[in-house]
């Protein structure tokens, strides 16, 4: 019997479709579906016969455990009442998102959990109403599948349903991290860089505008000043504390100086001038996005541009204005406009600084 394929490309999966997939899972079926990273196969953890069938289908050794996918953190805390503090911190920082967390359960056995950013994946968990084990949708040892076609090419028979949501946006599997009271270990490199996982204190804040000569460098300079005052340290001591405040432009001309009016605005800052004289424009790149704990964009178009390439960072890429308004580019206007911009950026920085310190604690 050929595998049934449900096409949901270019539209959201409907509640009736999710419920039908949930019914298939409760009855012991296997359902392949897209996450924000790669395609996975869901099976009810309460159906040992179905779990055994999935192991056989993938050619996966039965000694290799599978990850439990959850729609919220409640099942994790219920199954693992003695969660290490480091695990709780990673859950706050990276969930929902491409992090698989391996932690000891109530009986001391190691169990992997994943809370995906994909609404479809979380909806499937809720629709099933039972714990779901979800390995990647490929033959063991073969490349991860990023399309429904690749799933069916590797696994042409044995699946009960494939939800075709088009190519997955990430294409890189989740980062797998084991946490015990002894420490944090990255078991598999993935969508979240290891250095972000292992950063115990501090944060990297990235401001983004178009050319990186006016708005974003000024915002970075103001937040550095606010952050240093909050921590009671000189600005040059922030990196040693684990805090970096950077800026970049989606269309920046590398090495270009901050604009004359931006530098004038920085020199007027009271009681001491901000440093924009040494600023050199930087074009936004994947390394900066990977390293940043939070990314604040001046305009919605810049946020959309980043998320088109890094969809798994949706919770970390934000509009700078707390009310969701664009911060207009002052280029070509007079000093009055730059001073208004600086006051607006300072008001936002005052709101941000406490959250930056809390996130980095």
Protein backbone atom coordinates (compact mmCIF):
# COMPACT_ATOMS: atom_id res chain seq x y z
CA UNK A 1 0.00 0.00 0.00
CA UNK A 2 1.60 3.35 -1.02
CA UNK A 3 2.39 5.90 1.65
CA UNK A 4 -0.27 8.60 1.97
CA UNK A 5 1.10 12.12 1.44
CA UNK A 6 -0.64 15.18 2.85
CA UNK A 7 0.44 18.35 1.02
CA UNK A 8 0.37 21.50 3.16
CA UNK A 9 2.77 23.61 1.10
CA UNK A 10 1.98 27.35 1.09
CA UNK A 11 -0.74 26.99 3.73
CA UNK A 12 -1.10 26.12 7.38
CA UNK A 13 -2.06 22.59 8.30
CA UNK A 14 -5.72 22.45 9.29
CA UNK A 15 -6.96 21.27 12.72
CA UNK A 16 -8.83 18.38 11.08
CA UNK A 17 -5.64 17.28 9.33
CA UNK A 18 -3.67 17.47 12.57
CA UNK A 19 -6.31 15.47 14.40
CA UNK A 20 -6.24 12.79 11.72
CA UNK A 21 -2.44 12.58 12.00
CA UNK A 22 -2.86 12.36 15.79
CA UNK A 23 -5.30 9.48 15.39
CA UNK A 24 -2.83 7.61 13.18
CA UNK A 25 -0.17 8.03 15.87
CA UNK A 26 -2.42 6.90 18.72
CA UNK A 27 -3.28 3.79 16.71
CA UNK A 28 0.41 2.91 16.29
CA UNK A 29 1.11 4.51 12.91
CA UNK A 30 4.26 6.32 11.75
CA UNK A 31 4.00 9.94 10.59
CA UNK A 32 6.82 11.87 8.89
CA UNK A 33 6.67 15.66 9.10
CA UNK A 34 8.87 18.78 8.81
CA UNK A 35 10.44 20.59 11.75
CA UNK A 36 12.40 23.84 11.56
CA UNK A 37 15.56 21.80 10.96
CA UNK A 38 14.96 18.50 9.10
CA UNK A 39 12.09 16.02 8.61
CA UNK A 40 11.34 13.68 11.51
CA UNK A 41 9.22 10.56 12.05
CA UNK A 42 6.80 10.52 14.96
CA UNK A 43 5.68 7.37 16.77
CA UNK A 44 3.69 6.91 19.97
CA UNK A 45 5.99 6.12 22.89
CA UNK A 46 3.08 4.15 24.36
CA UNK A 47 3.05 1.65 21.47
CA UNK A 48 6.11 -0.65 21.83
CA UNK A 49 5.11 -2.52 18.66
CA UNK A 50 5.15 0.73 16.65
CA UNK A 51 8.45 1.82 18.21
CA UNK A 52 9.99 -1.53 17.25
CA UNK A 53 8.65 -1.13 13.70
CA UNK A 54 10.26 2.33 13.45
CA UNK A 55 13.63 1.00 14.60
CA UNK A 56 13.43 -1.70 11.93
CA UNK A 57 12.31 0.74 9.23
CA UNK A 58 15.23 3.08 9.84
CA UNK A 59 17.76 0.30 10.40
CA UNK A 60 18.54 2.00 13.70
CA UNK A 61 20.16 -0.05 16.49
CA UNK A 62 17.64 -0.66 19.26
CA UNK A 63 20.32 0.33 21.78
CA UNK A 64 20.26 3.90 20.40
CA UNK A 65 17.50 5.84 22.19
CA UNK A 66 15.10 8.22 20.46
CA UNK A 67 14.18 11.76 21.42
CA UNK A 68 10.85 12.63 23.03
CA UNK A 69 9.23 15.61 21.30
CA UNK A 70 7.17 17.91 23.53
CA UNK A 71 4.88 20.89 22.96
CA UNK A 72 5.85 22.60 26.24
CA UNK A 73 8.19 22.05 29.17
CA UNK A 74 5.67 20.33 31.47
CA UNK A 75 6.49 16.73 30.37
CA UNK A 76 10.18 17.39 30.92
CA UNK A 77 9.80 18.62 34.48
CA UNK A 78 7.30 15.81 35.21
CA UNK A 79 9.63 13.06 33.99
CA UNK A 80 12.80 14.70 35.32
CA UNK A 81 11.97 16.20 38.73
CA UNK A 82 15.64 16.80 39.58
CA UNK A 83 16.59 18.79 36.48
CA UNK A 84 20.07 20.31 36.77
CA UNK A 85 20.11 24.11 36.94
CA UNK A 86 22.15 24.24 33.72
CA UNK A 87 19.40 22.30 31.91
CA UNK A 88 16.76 24.76 33.07
CA UNK A 89 18.92 27.64 31.84
CA UNK A 90 19.33 26.04 28.40
CA UNK A 91 15.57 25.46 28.18
CA UNK A 92 14.93 29.15 28.92
CA UNK A 93 17.51 30.29 26.36
CA UNK A 94 16.88 27.97 23.42
CA UNK A 95 13.37 26.49 23.62
CA UNK A 96 11.34 26.43 21.47
CA UNK A 97 14.16 25.83 19.03
CA UNK A 98 16.69 23.39 17.54
CA UNK A 99 18.06 22.06 20.84
CA UNK A 100 17.77 18.41 21.90
CA UNK A 101 18.36 18.21 25.64
CA UNK A 102 19.52 14.91 27.17
CA UNK A 103 18.94 14.82 30.93
CA UNK A 104 18.48 12.19 33.67
CA UNK A 105 14.89 11.17 34.36
CA UNK A 106 13.38 10.22 37.72
CA UNK A 107 15.06 6.79 37.59
CA UNK A 108 18.44 8.16 36.58
CA UNK A 109 18.20 7.08 32.93
CA UNK A 110 19.24 9.59 30.26
CA UNK A 111 16.33 10.83 28.12
CA UNK A 112 16.42 13.25 25.18
CA UNK A 113 13.78 15.98 24.80
CA UNK A 114 13.06 18.41 21.98
CA UNK A 115 10.66 21.36 22.03
CA UNK A 116 10.61 22.50 18.39
CA UNK A 117 10.01 26.02 17.14
CA UNK A 118 7.86 24.67 14.29
CA UNK A 119 4.15 25.29 15.03
CA UNK A 120 3.29 22.24 12.90
CA UNK A 121 5.52 19.99 15.00
CA UNK A 122 4.10 21.28 18.30
CA UNK A 123 0.58 20.98 16.90
CA UNK A 124 1.24 17.35 16.02
CA UNK A 125 2.34 16.61 19.60
CA UNK A 126 -0.82 18.19 20.98
CA UNK A 127 -3.08 16.45 18.46
CA UNK A 128 -1.59 13.04 19.29
CA UNK A 129 -2.20 13.48 23.00
CA UNK A 130 0.45 10.86 23.78
CA UNK A 131 4.24 11.11 24.20
CA UNK A 132 5.93 11.04 20.78
CA UNK A 133 9.35 9.64 20.02
CA UNK A 134 10.80 11.47 17.01
CA UNK A 135 14.05 10.46 15.27
CA UNK A 136 15.08 11.96 11.92
CA UNK A 137 13.21 10.74 8.85
CA UNK A 138 16.05 8.91 7.10
CA UNK A 139 17.79 5.57 7.00
CA UNK A 140 20.28 5.23 9.82
CA UNK A 141 23.65 6.59 8.66
CA UNK A 142 22.22 8.36 5.60
CA UNK A 143 21.89 12.15 5.08
CA UNK A 144 19.07 13.93 6.89
CA UNK A 145 15.97 14.53 4.75
CA UNK A 146 14.99 18.16 4.19
CA UNK A 147 12.05 17.50 1.81
CA UNK A 148 9.17 15.03 1.68
CA UNK A 149 10.63 13.70 -1.57
CA UNK A 150 13.88 12.82 0.19
CA UNK A 151 11.93 11.07 2.95
CA UNK A 152 10.07 8.93 0.43
CA UNK A 153 13.23 8.23 -1.55
CA UNK A 154 14.97 6.79 1.51
CA UNK A 155 11.83 5.25 3.04
CA UNK A 156 9.53 4.35 0.14
CA UNK A 157 7.46 1.95 2.26
CA UNK A 158 6.55 1.59 5.92
CA UNK A 159 5.31 5.08 6.74
CA UNK A 160 1.58 5.60 7.25
CA UNK A 161 1.55 9.33 6.51
CA UNK A 162 4.00 11.94 5.23
CA UNK A 163 3.10 15.58 5.84
CA UNK A 164 4.70 17.50 2.98
CA UNK A 165 5.39 21.01 4.22
CA UNK A 166 7.99 21.76 1.56
CA UNK A 167 11.73 22.08 2.18
CA UNK A 168 12.69 22.55 5.82
CA UNK A 169 14.03 26.01 6.46
CA UNK A 170 17.01 25.10 8.63
CA UNK A 171 18.49 22.07 6.88
CA UNK A 172 20.81 21.48 9.83
CA UNK A 173 19.82 19.05 12.61
CA UNK A 174 19.29 20.13 16.18
CA UNK A 175 22.24 20.51 18.51
CA UNK A 176 22.26 17.64 21.03
CA UNK A 177 23.40 18.56 24.54
CA UNK A 178 23.71 16.30 27.58
CA UNK A 179 23.35 17.93 30.99
CA UNK A 180 24.09 16.30 34.33
CA UNK A 181 25.15 17.69 37.67
CA UNK A 182 28.72 17.09 36.45
CA UNK A 183 28.36 19.55 33.59
CA UNK A 184 27.25 20.29 30.03
CA UNK A 185 28.46 18.25 27.05
CA UNK A 186 27.67 18.88 23.38
CA UNK A 187 27.02 15.41 21.92
CA UNK A 188 26.27 16.57 18.38
CA UNK A 189 27.03 19.85 16.62
CA UNK A 190 23.93 21.35 15.05
CA UNK A 191 21.92 24.49 14.41
CA UNK A 192 23.02 26.18 17.67
CA UNK A 193 26.81 26.73 17.77
CA UNK A 194 28.67 25.03 20.60
CA UNK A 195 30.11 28.31 21.85
CA UNK A 196 26.59 29.65 22.47
CA UNK A 197 25.67 26.50 24.37
CA UNK A 198 28.74 26.58 26.58
CA UNK A 199 28.66 30.33 27.31
CA UNK A 200 27.90 30.28 31.02
CA UNK A 201 27.63 34.02 31.63
CA UNK A 202 27.10 37.13 29.57
CA UNK A 203 25.39 37.79 26.30
CA UNK A 204 26.10 39.05 22.80
CA UNK A 205 23.66 41.73 21.63
CA UNK A 206 23.62 42.65 17.94
CA UNK A 207 21.95 45.75 16.50
CA UNK A 208 21.12 45.68 12.79
CA UNK A 209 20.23 48.44 10.35
CA UNK A 210 20.90 48.96 6.64
CA UNK A 211 24.34 50.55 6.28
CA UNK A 212 25.75 50.32 9.84
CA UNK A 213 26.78 53.98 9.83
CA UNK A 214 23.98 55.66 11.82
CA UNK A 215 21.30 53.80 13.75
CA UNK A 216 22.88 50.48 14.73
CA UNK A 217 26.33 51.81 15.79
CA UNK A 218 24.68 54.57 17.82
CA UNK A 219 22.33 52.05 19.47
CA UNK A 220 25.28 49.79 20.31
CA UNK A 221 27.30 52.65 21.80
CA UNK A 222 24.36 53.75 23.96
CA UNK A 223 23.62 50.23 25.23
CA UNK A 224 27.31 49.68 26.05
CA UNK A 225 27.22 52.84 28.17
CA UNK A 226 23.99 51.80 29.91
CA UNK A 227 25.22 48.25 30.49
CA UNK A 228 28.55 49.39 31.94
CA UNK A 229 26.75 51.77 34.32
CA UNK A 230 24.32 49.02 35.37
CA UNK A 231 27.17 46.60 36.12
CA UNK A 232 29.37 49.26 37.68
CA UNK A 233 32.32 48.60 35.39
CA UNK A 234 34.15 50.57 32.66
CA UNK A 235 32.90 49.92 29.12
CA UNK A 236 36.19 48.29 28.18
CA UNK A 237 35.61 45.71 30.93
CA UNK A 238 32.33 44.43 29.43
CA UNK A 239 33.94 41.67 27.28
CA UNK A 240 35.75 40.29 30.32
CA UNK A 241 32.33 40.06 32.01
CA UNK A 242 31.03 38.10 29.02
CA UNK A 243 29.02 40.93 27.44
CA UNK A 244 29.45 42.05 23.85
CA UNK A 245 27.37 44.73 22.13
CA UNK A 246 27.85 44.73 18.36
CA UNK A 247 26.30 46.28 15.27
CA UNK A 248 26.06 45.42 11.59
CA UNK A 249 24.21 46.35 8.43
CA UNK A 250 22.40 44.10 5.97
CA UNK A 251 23.85 46.18 3.10
CA UNK A 252 26.86 47.73 4.83
CA UNK A 253 29.95 48.90 2.97
CA UNK A 254 32.72 47.18 4.94
CA UNK A 255 35.04 49.56 6.79
CA UNK A 256 32.99 52.72 6.26
CA UNK A 257 33.05 55.20 9.14
CA UNK A 258 30.03 56.23 11.14
CA UNK A 259 28.33 59.24 9.56
CA UNK A 260 29.43 62.72 10.52
CA UNK A 261 26.14 63.48 12.27
CA UNK A 262 26.20 60.20 14.16
CA UNK A 263 29.70 61.01 15.40
CA UNK A 264 28.62 64.52 16.36
CA UNK A 265 25.69 63.07 18.30
CA UNK A 266 28.06 60.70 20.11
CA UNK A 267 30.41 63.54 21.03
CA UNK A 268 27.50 65.52 22.52
CA UNK A 269 26.55 62.67 24.88
CA UNK A 270 26.47 63.65 28.55
CA UNK A 271 28.26 63.44 30.86
CA UNK A 272 30.91 61.78 28.66
CA UNK A 273 31.07 61.33 24.90
CA UNK A 274 30.26 57.98 23.33
CA UNK A 275 32.92 56.42 21.13
CA UNK A 276 31.93 56.28 17.47
CA UNK A 277 35.21 57.63 16.10
CA UNK A 278 36.72 54.14 15.86
CA UNK A 279 33.62 52.53 14.34
CA UNK A 280 34.00 50.68 11.03
CA UNK A 281 30.91 49.38 9.25
CA UNK A 282 30.40 45.60 9.18
CA UNK A 283 28.13 43.65 6.84
CA UNK A 284 25.82 41.18 8.55
CA UNK A 285 26.99 37.57 8.14
CA UNK A 286 26.04 34.12 9.41
CA UNK A 287 28.83 34.17 12.00
CA UNK A 288 27.40 37.29 13.66
CA UNK A 289 23.88 35.83 13.63
CA UNK A 290 25.14 32.56 15.14
CA UNK A 291 27.08 34.32 17.90
CA UNK A 292 24.33 36.74 18.91
CA UNK A 293 22.13 35.99 21.92
CA UNK A 294 19.63 38.62 20.76
CA UNK A 295 19.38 40.58 17.51
CA UNK A 296 17.54 43.91 17.42
CA UNK A 297 16.53 45.25 14.01
CA UNK A 298 15.66 48.85 13.21
CA UNK A 299 13.10 47.88 10.58
CA UNK A 300 10.73 44.99 9.97
CA UNK A 301 12.26 44.41 6.52
CA UNK A 302 15.64 43.70 8.13
CA UNK A 303 14.09 41.23 10.56
CA UNK A 304 12.29 39.47 7.72
CA UNK A 305 15.52 39.29 5.74
CA UNK A 306 17.37 37.63 8.63
CA UNK A 307 14.59 35.16 9.37
CA UNK A 308 14.39 34.14 5.71
CA UNK A 309 17.85 32.59 6.16
CA UNK A 310 17.76 31.80 9.90
CA UNK A 311 14.15 30.85 10.70
CA UNK A 312 15.12 28.95 13.85
CA UNK A 313 16.21 32.27 15.43
CA UNK A 314 12.69 33.73 15.35
CA UNK A 315 12.46 34.15 19.11
CA UNK A 316 15.85 35.93 19.21
CA UNK A 317 15.46 38.33 16.25
CA UNK A 318 13.33 41.26 17.35
CA UNK A 319 12.32 44.75 16.33
CA UNK A 320 14.12 47.32 18.45
CA UNK A 321 11.03 49.43 19.03
CA UNK A 322 8.95 47.70 21.75
CA UNK A 323 5.75 48.82 20.01
CA UNK A 324 6.84 47.26 16.71
CA UNK A 325 7.41 50.49 14.79
CA UNK A 326 10.33 50.97 12.42
CA UNK A 327 13.17 53.24 13.53
CA UNK A 328 13.61 55.48 10.49
CA UNK A 329 17.01 56.11 8.94
CA UNK A 330 18.10 59.71 9.71
CA UNK A 331 20.68 59.80 6.88
CA UNK A 332 20.58 63.09 5.00
CA UNK A 333 18.71 64.93 7.76
CA UNK A 334 19.88 67.50 10.25
CA UNK A 335 21.22 67.19 13.79
CA UNK A 336 17.76 67.65 15.28
CA UNK A 337 16.69 64.33 13.78
CA UNK A 338 19.84 62.61 15.04
CA UNK A 339 19.29 63.94 18.55
CA UNK A 340 15.68 62.66 18.50
CA UNK A 341 16.99 59.29 17.33
CA UNK A 342 19.54 59.19 20.15
CA UNK A 343 16.87 59.94 22.77
CA UNK A 344 14.68 57.19 21.36
CA UNK A 345 17.57 54.71 21.33
CA UNK A 346 18.50 55.63 24.89
CA UNK A 347 14.92 55.05 26.09
CA UNK A 348 14.96 51.58 24.52
CA UNK A 349 18.42 50.83 25.96
CA UNK A 350 17.12 51.70 29.44
CA UNK A 351 14.42 49.05 28.95
CA UNK A 352 16.82 46.48 27.53
CA UNK A 353 19.68 46.63 29.99
CA UNK A 354 18.01 44.71 32.82
CA UNK A 355 16.92 41.94 30.49
CA UNK A 356 20.40 41.66 29.00
CA UNK A 357 21.93 41.20 32.44
CA UNK A 358 19.25 38.70 33.50
CA UNK A 359 19.70 36.68 30.28
CA UNK A 360 23.44 36.61 30.82
CA UNK A 361 23.32 35.60 34.47
